[in-house]
Amino acid sequence: MILLQVSGLGQGISFTQSLHQRLAIAGETGSGKSTLLKTIGGLQTAEKGEVLFEGNRVLGPLERLIPGHPGIAYLSQHFELWNNYRVSEILSYANELSDEESTELYRVCRIDHLLSRRTDQLSGGERQRISLAKLLVKPPKLLLLDEPFSNLDMIHKSILKSVIRDLGDRMGITCMLVSHDPVDLLSWADEILVIKDGYVVQQDTPERIYRQPKNEYVAGLFGRYNLLKGEFIRPEDIWVEDGQGEALAGQVKRVTFVGSHYDVEVMTGEGMLLVRTLGDELRPGQPVLLYPGKTHRFEN
């Protein structure tokens, strides 16, 4: 079932979102991601084009007394909570859920243990999850998330990721998410829409976006990459061995530990290439053989 239809926004952004589909929006800073989300939510007027939600046009802020669509919730990266209120008081305002449904929502949002606290006793991650629950006590069908992880540490980011996934899986809320971190998008989305200067550059599954980007702009948004004789190669797709022989010979210039792996810069006759390894056996100055594995050519 098609829940959302976007036609001709920006310089021609058009796409659909199905019920329960996890759709992510990617693009460089200033590409129009937040503007797109606000327009979809009825919080900003589209200069051209239109947004249909369940077959009906979403009205802009100049057409409604209170901006926004009742079936669409928008969580800004600049969320706010009332000061000096108990969490339970904030959530009780405009709550349309039954007691049982409210309890389930608070459990899904990981805030059921915070209901008796005041807002000045909360961490940033806790405040954000409460702001999210506050939007959902009047249940929307579509939830728009604008850079929800941008100000969170790794612990609260991991919690919020689980919350967002559970909102879809357990509560049936369809979500659209904007994030500048490729890991957030690749691990969550069913489909990714890449935009630049008001245009759709590529729309595809996370794996195809990562493995078969349309151009260098898309490739760069989703991680490090090499260009070798017109071929696109991710660092983890290059095998490396010691010695000399009939392969792409090179010399290790730098080895950097980044936690789950090592980034190895290798100078070859084709220029500097980045290789990703799990072990720490390589050293600067060491000769190696490189064997590019899964390669994908850029499309024109």
Protein backbone atom coordinates (compact mmCIF):
# COMPACT_ATOMS: atom_id res chain seq x y z
CA MET A 1 0.00 0.00 0.00
CA ILE A 2 1.41 3.41 -1.01
CA LEU A 3 1.31 5.73 2.01
CA LEU A 4 3.19 8.75 0.62
CA GLN A 5 3.65 10.19 -2.86
CA VAL A 6 6.09 13.06 -3.48
CA SER A 7 6.05 14.70 -6.92
CA GLY A 8 8.25 17.43 -8.35
CA LEU A 9 9.67 18.98 -5.18
CA GLY A 10 12.92 20.96 -5.41
CA GLN A 11 14.44 20.49 -8.84
CA GLY A 12 12.38 17.37 -9.46
CA ILE A 13 12.40 15.13 -6.39
CA SER A 14 9.75 12.43 -6.84
CA PHE A 15 9.32 9.15 -4.98
CA THR A 16 6.81 7.00 -3.10
CA GLN A 17 6.91 5.35 0.30
CA SER A 18 4.92 2.24 1.09
CA LEU A 19 3.28 1.44 4.40
CA HIS A 20 5.91 0.07 6.86
CA GLN A 21 8.77 0.78 4.44
CA ARG A 22 11.91 2.19 6.09
CA LEU A 23 13.06 5.01 3.81
CA ALA A 24 16.27 6.98 4.42
CA ILE A 25 17.33 10.30 2.89
CA ALA A 26 21.05 10.94 2.32
CA GLY A 27 22.96 13.92 0.97
CA GLU A 28 25.72 16.37 1.75
CA THR A 29 25.17 19.30 4.12
CA GLY A 30 22.93 21.85 2.41
CA SER A 31 21.48 19.35 -0.07
CA GLY A 32 17.93 19.98 1.17
CA LYS A 33 17.29 16.92 3.38
CA SER A 34 15.67 18.80 6.27
CA THR A 35 13.70 21.04 3.91
CA LEU A 36 12.34 17.94 2.19
CA LEU A 37 11.23 16.40 5.50
CA LYS A 38 9.55 19.62 6.67
CA THR A 39 7.71 19.95 3.36
CA ILE A 40 6.49 16.36 3.58
CA GLY A 41 5.26 17.03 7.11
CA GLY A 42 3.37 20.17 6.10
CA LEU A 43 5.69 22.41 8.11
CA GLN A 44 7.14 24.21 5.08
CA THR A 45 5.48 25.36 1.87
CA ALA A 46 6.68 23.75 -1.36
CA GLU A 47 7.60 26.24 -4.09
CA LYS A 48 6.49 23.66 -6.62
CA GLY A 49 5.34 20.07 -6.68
CA GLU A 50 3.07 18.38 -4.19
CA VAL A 51 2.95 15.80 -1.41
CA LEU A 52 0.10 13.29 -1.19
CA PHE A 53 -0.46 11.40 2.07
CA GLU A 54 -2.94 8.53 1.79
CA GLY A 55 -4.05 10.06 -1.51
CA ASN A 56 -4.76 13.56 -0.14
CA ARG A 57 -2.59 16.63 -0.61
CA VAL A 58 -0.58 17.72 2.42
CA LEU A 59 -1.35 21.37 3.10
CA GLY A 60 1.45 23.85 3.76
CA PRO A 61 1.69 26.20 6.78
CA LEU A 62 -0.04 29.01 4.86
CA GLU A 63 -3.10 26.79 4.38
CA ARG A 64 -3.58 25.55 7.94
CA LEU A 65 -4.13 27.39 11.22
CA ILE A 66 -1.76 24.96 12.96
CA PRO A 67 1.05 23.82 10.61
CA GLY A 68 1.55 20.11 10.12
CA HIS A 69 -0.47 17.05 9.16
CA PRO A 70 -2.34 15.12 11.88
CA GLY A 71 -1.16 11.78 10.47
CA ILE A 72 2.52 12.79 10.21
CA ALA A 73 4.88 13.45 13.14
CA TYR A 74 8.19 15.29 12.75
CA LEU A 75 11.04 14.98 15.27
CA SER A 76 13.48 17.85 14.78
CA GLN A 77 17.14 17.62 15.70
CA HIS A 78 16.40 20.72 17.82
CA PHE A 79 13.73 19.10 19.99
CA GLU A 80 12.54 20.85 23.15
CA LEU A 81 10.80 19.84 26.38
CA TRP A 82 9.03 22.01 28.93
CA ASN A 83 11.24 22.78 31.91
CA ASN A 84 10.46 21.74 35.50
CA TYR A 85 7.71 19.28 34.59
CA ARG A 86 7.49 15.63 35.45
CA VAL A 87 7.80 13.31 32.48
CA SER A 88 4.40 11.78 33.23
CA GLU A 89 2.80 15.26 33.09
CA ILE A 90 4.34 16.05 29.71
CA LEU A 91 3.20 12.74 28.24
CA SER A 92 -0.34 13.00 29.60
CA TYR A 93 -1.01 16.15 27.56
CA ALA A 94 -3.06 15.28 24.43
CA ASN A 95 -2.55 11.55 25.07
CA GLU A 96 -5.06 9.60 22.97
CA LEU A 97 -3.78 6.16 23.95
CA SER A 98 -5.30 3.75 26.42
CA ASP A 99 -3.37 2.95 29.59
CA GLU A 100 -2.23 -0.34 28.07
CA GLU A 101 -1.12 1.35 24.82
CA SER A 102 0.67 4.10 26.74
CA THR A 103 2.55 1.54 28.82
CA GLU A 104 3.65 -0.25 25.64
CA LEU A 105 4.78 3.01 24.02
CA TYR A 106 6.84 4.02 27.06
CA ARG A 107 8.40 0.56 27.12
CA VAL A 108 9.25 0.70 23.42
CA CYS A 109 10.76 4.19 23.85
CA ARG A 110 12.78 2.95 26.87
CA ILE A 111 11.37 5.65 29.15
CA ASP A 112 9.02 3.70 31.45
CA HIS A 113 11.56 4.10 34.30
CA LEU A 114 11.70 7.89 33.82
CA LEU A 115 8.04 8.83 34.29
CA SER A 116 8.48 10.24 37.82
CA ARG A 117 11.55 12.35 36.99
CA ARG A 118 11.58 16.04 36.17
CA THR A 119 12.93 17.23 32.84
CA ASP A 120 15.95 18.90 34.45
CA GLN A 121 17.02 15.48 35.77
CA LEU A 122 17.35 13.90 32.32
CA SER A 123 20.27 13.29 30.00
CA GLY A 124 20.18 14.48 26.39
CA GLY A 125 19.39 11.00 25.10
CA GLU A 126 16.59 10.54 27.64
CA ARG A 127 15.09 13.92 26.73
CA GLN A 128 15.10 13.01 23.07
CA ARG A 129 13.31 9.69 23.63
CA ILE A 130 10.69 11.49 25.75
CA SER A 131 10.24 14.08 22.98
CA LEU A 132 9.72 11.20 20.60
CA ALA A 133 7.13 9.54 22.87
CA LYS A 134 5.37 12.91 23.23
CA LEU A 135 4.84 12.94 19.46
CA LEU A 136 3.48 9.41 19.49
CA VAL A 137 0.82 9.67 22.21
CA LYS A 138 -1.36 10.89 19.36
CA PRO A 139 -0.38 8.03 17.05
CA PRO A 140 0.82 9.07 13.58
CA LYS A 141 1.04 6.78 10.58
CA LEU A 142 4.29 8.36 9.37
CA LEU A 143 7.19 9.46 11.57
CA LEU A 144 9.82 11.83 10.10
CA LEU A 145 13.18 11.75 11.90
CA ASP A 146 15.58 14.61 11.16
CA GLU A 147 19.16 13.70 12.19
CA PRO A 148 17.96 11.92 15.36
CA PHE A 149 21.44 10.64 16.29
CA SER A 150 23.46 13.81 15.72
CA ASN A 151 23.98 14.86 19.36
CA LEU A 152 24.05 11.47 21.07
CA ASP A 153 26.89 9.44 22.55
CA MET A 154 27.30 5.82 21.42
CA ILE A 155 25.26 4.39 24.31
CA HIS A 156 22.19 6.58 23.76
CA LYS A 157 22.58 6.31 19.99
CA SER A 158 22.39 2.52 20.23
CA ILE A 159 19.29 2.75 22.44
CA LEU A 160 17.55 5.16 20.06
CA LYS A 161 18.34 2.93 17.06
CA SER A 162 16.58 0.04 18.83
CA VAL A 163 13.64 2.30 19.69
CA ILE A 164 13.18 3.44 16.09
CA ARG A 165 13.31 -0.12 14.79
CA ASP A 166 10.80 -1.27 17.41
CA LEU A 167 8.40 1.57 16.54
CA GLY A 168 8.14 0.06 13.08
CA ASP A 169 8.24 -3.62 14.01
CA ARG A 170 6.06 -3.58 17.14
CA MET A 171 3.86 -0.51 16.71
CA GLY A 172 3.45 -0.41 12.93
CA ILE A 173 4.64 3.18 12.49
CA THR A 174 6.20 3.91 9.09
CA CYS A 175 9.44 5.88 9.39
CA MET A 176 11.51 8.18 7.18
CA LEU A 177 14.96 9.09 8.48
CA VAL A 178 17.67 11.62 7.62
CA SER A 179 21.21 11.09 8.90
CA HIS A 180 24.70 12.17 7.86
CA ASP A 181 26.22 8.90 9.16
CA PRO A 182 26.24 6.16 6.48
CA VAL A 183 26.24 3.40 9.10
CA ASP A 184 22.91 4.67 10.45
CA LEU A 185 21.31 4.48 7.02
CA LEU A 186 22.87 1.29 5.64
CA SER A 187 21.97 -0.80 8.69
CA TRP A 188 18.39 0.47 9.00
CA ALA A 189 16.82 1.37 5.66
CA ASP A 190 14.91 -0.75 3.18
CA GLU A 191 15.64 1.90 0.55
CA ILE A 192 17.86 4.99 0.40
CA LEU A 193 17.18 8.18 -1.54
CA VAL A 194 20.33 10.20 -2.30
CA ILE A 195 19.76 13.87 -3.12
CA LYS A 196 22.01 16.72 -4.23
CA ASP A 197 21.04 20.34 -5.01
CA GLY A 198 17.35 19.46 -5.08
CA TYR A 199 17.77 16.47 -7.41
CA VAL A 200 17.51 12.72 -6.83
CA VAL A 201 20.94 11.30 -7.67
CA GLN A 202 20.20 7.66 -6.88
CA GLN A 203 17.44 5.64 -5.23
CA ASP A 204 18.10 1.99 -4.41
CA THR A 205 18.61 -0.63 -1.71
CA PRO A 206 21.39 0.01 0.85
CA GLU A 207 23.59 -2.74 -0.62
CA ARG A 208 23.36 -1.43 -4.19
CA ILE A 209 23.90 2.16 -3.02
CA TYR A 210 27.08 1.03 -1.24
CA ARG A 211 28.35 -1.49 -3.81
CA GLN A 212 27.14 0.16 -7.01
CA PRO A 213 27.02 3.94 -6.51
CA LYS A 214 26.05 5.94 -9.55
CA ASN A 215 28.96 8.37 -9.18
CA GLU A 216 31.69 9.54 -6.82
CA TYR A 217 29.30 11.79 -4.92
CA VAL A 218 27.22 8.78 -3.84
CA ALA A 219 30.32 6.67 -3.20
CA GLY A 220 31.84 9.32 -0.94
CA LEU A 221 28.67 9.71 1.15
CA PHE A 222 28.82 6.08 2.18
CA GLY A 223 32.45 5.57 3.08
CA ARG A 224 36.01 5.39 1.82
CA TYR A 225 36.67 4.12 -1.69
CA ASN A 226 39.35 3.68 -4.35
CA LEU A 227 39.24 4.41 -8.07
CA LEU A 228 41.43 2.01 -9.99
CA LYS A 229 41.41 2.24 -13.80
CA GLY A 230 37.85 3.45 -13.82
CA GLU A 231 36.70 0.82 -11.33
CA PHE A 232 35.17 1.57 -7.95
CA ILE A 233 36.62 -0.56 -5.14
CA ARG A 234 35.82 -0.39 -1.44
CA PRO A 235 38.85 -0.80 0.86
CA GLU A 236 37.58 -4.12 2.25
CA ASP A 237 37.33 -5.53 -1.30
CA ILE A 238 41.09 -5.61 -1.82
CA TRP A 239 43.11 -8.63 -0.73
CA VAL A 240 46.68 -7.98 0.38
CA GLU A 241 49.70 -10.33 0.58
CA ASP A 242 53.44 -10.00 1.18
CA GLY A 243 56.07 -10.28 -1.55
CA GLN A 244 56.44 -9.66 -5.27
CA GLY A 245 54.72 -11.27 -8.27
CA GLU A 246 52.11 -10.84 -11.02
CA ALA A 247 49.71 -8.59 -9.19
CA LEU A 248 49.40 -4.92 -8.30
CA ALA A 249 52.62 -4.36 -6.36
CA GLY A 250 52.83 -1.67 -3.73
CA GLN A 251 54.50 -0.48 -0.57
CA VAL A 252 52.77 0.16 2.75
CA LYS A 253 52.99 3.83 3.70
CA ARG A 254 50.76 4.07 6.76
CA VAL A 255 48.80 1.74 9.04
CA THR A 256 45.99 3.21 11.20
CA PHE A 257 44.07 1.34 13.88
CA VAL A 258 40.39 2.39 13.85
CA GLY A 259 38.85 -0.15 16.24
CA SER A 260 37.23 -2.96 14.29
CA HIS A 261 39.94 -2.96 11.59
CA TYR A 262 43.11 -1.33 10.27
CA ASP A 263 43.18 1.21 7.43
CA VAL A 264 46.31 0.62 5.34
CA GLU A 265 47.53 3.17 2.81
CA VAL A 266 49.52 1.51 0.01
CA MET A 267 51.46 3.36 -2.71
CA THR A 268 51.20 1.60 -6.08
CA GLY A 269 51.96 2.45 -9.68
CA GLU A 270 48.29 3.46 -9.93
CA GLY A 271 48.56 5.86 -7.01
CA MET A 272 47.70 5.60 -3.30
CA LEU A 273 45.10 2.94 -2.46
CA LEU A 274 43.30 2.34 0.82
CA VAL A 275 43.05 -1.24 2.03
CA ARG A 276 41.12 -2.53 5.05
CA THR A 277 42.52 -5.46 7.06
CA LEU A 278 41.61 -7.19 10.32
CA GLY A 279 45.15 -8.11 11.39
CA ASP A 280 48.09 -5.92 12.47
CA GLU A 281 50.78 -7.77 10.51
CA LEU A 282 51.52 -4.96 8.01
CA ARG A 283 54.16 -2.31 8.66
CA PRO A 284 55.20 0.93 6.87
CA GLY A 285 57.80 0.22 4.18
CA GLN A 286 56.65 -3.36 3.67
CA PRO A 287 56.19 -4.53 0.03
CA VAL A 288 52.80 -6.11 -0.67
CA LEU A 289 50.70 -7.53 -3.48
CA LEU A 290 47.18 -6.21 -3.92
CA TYR A 291 44.39 -8.28 -5.43
CA PRO A 292 41.25 -6.21 -6.07
CA GLY A 293 38.20 -8.37 -5.45
CA LYS A 294 34.62 -7.21 -5.96
CA THR A 295 34.79 -4.23 -8.32
CA HIS A 296 32.02 -2.11 -9.76
CA ARG A 297 32.31 0.34 -12.62
CA PHE A 298 30.73 3.78 -12.31
CA GLU A 299 27.68 4.41 -14.50
CA ASN A 300 27.65 7.53 -16.68
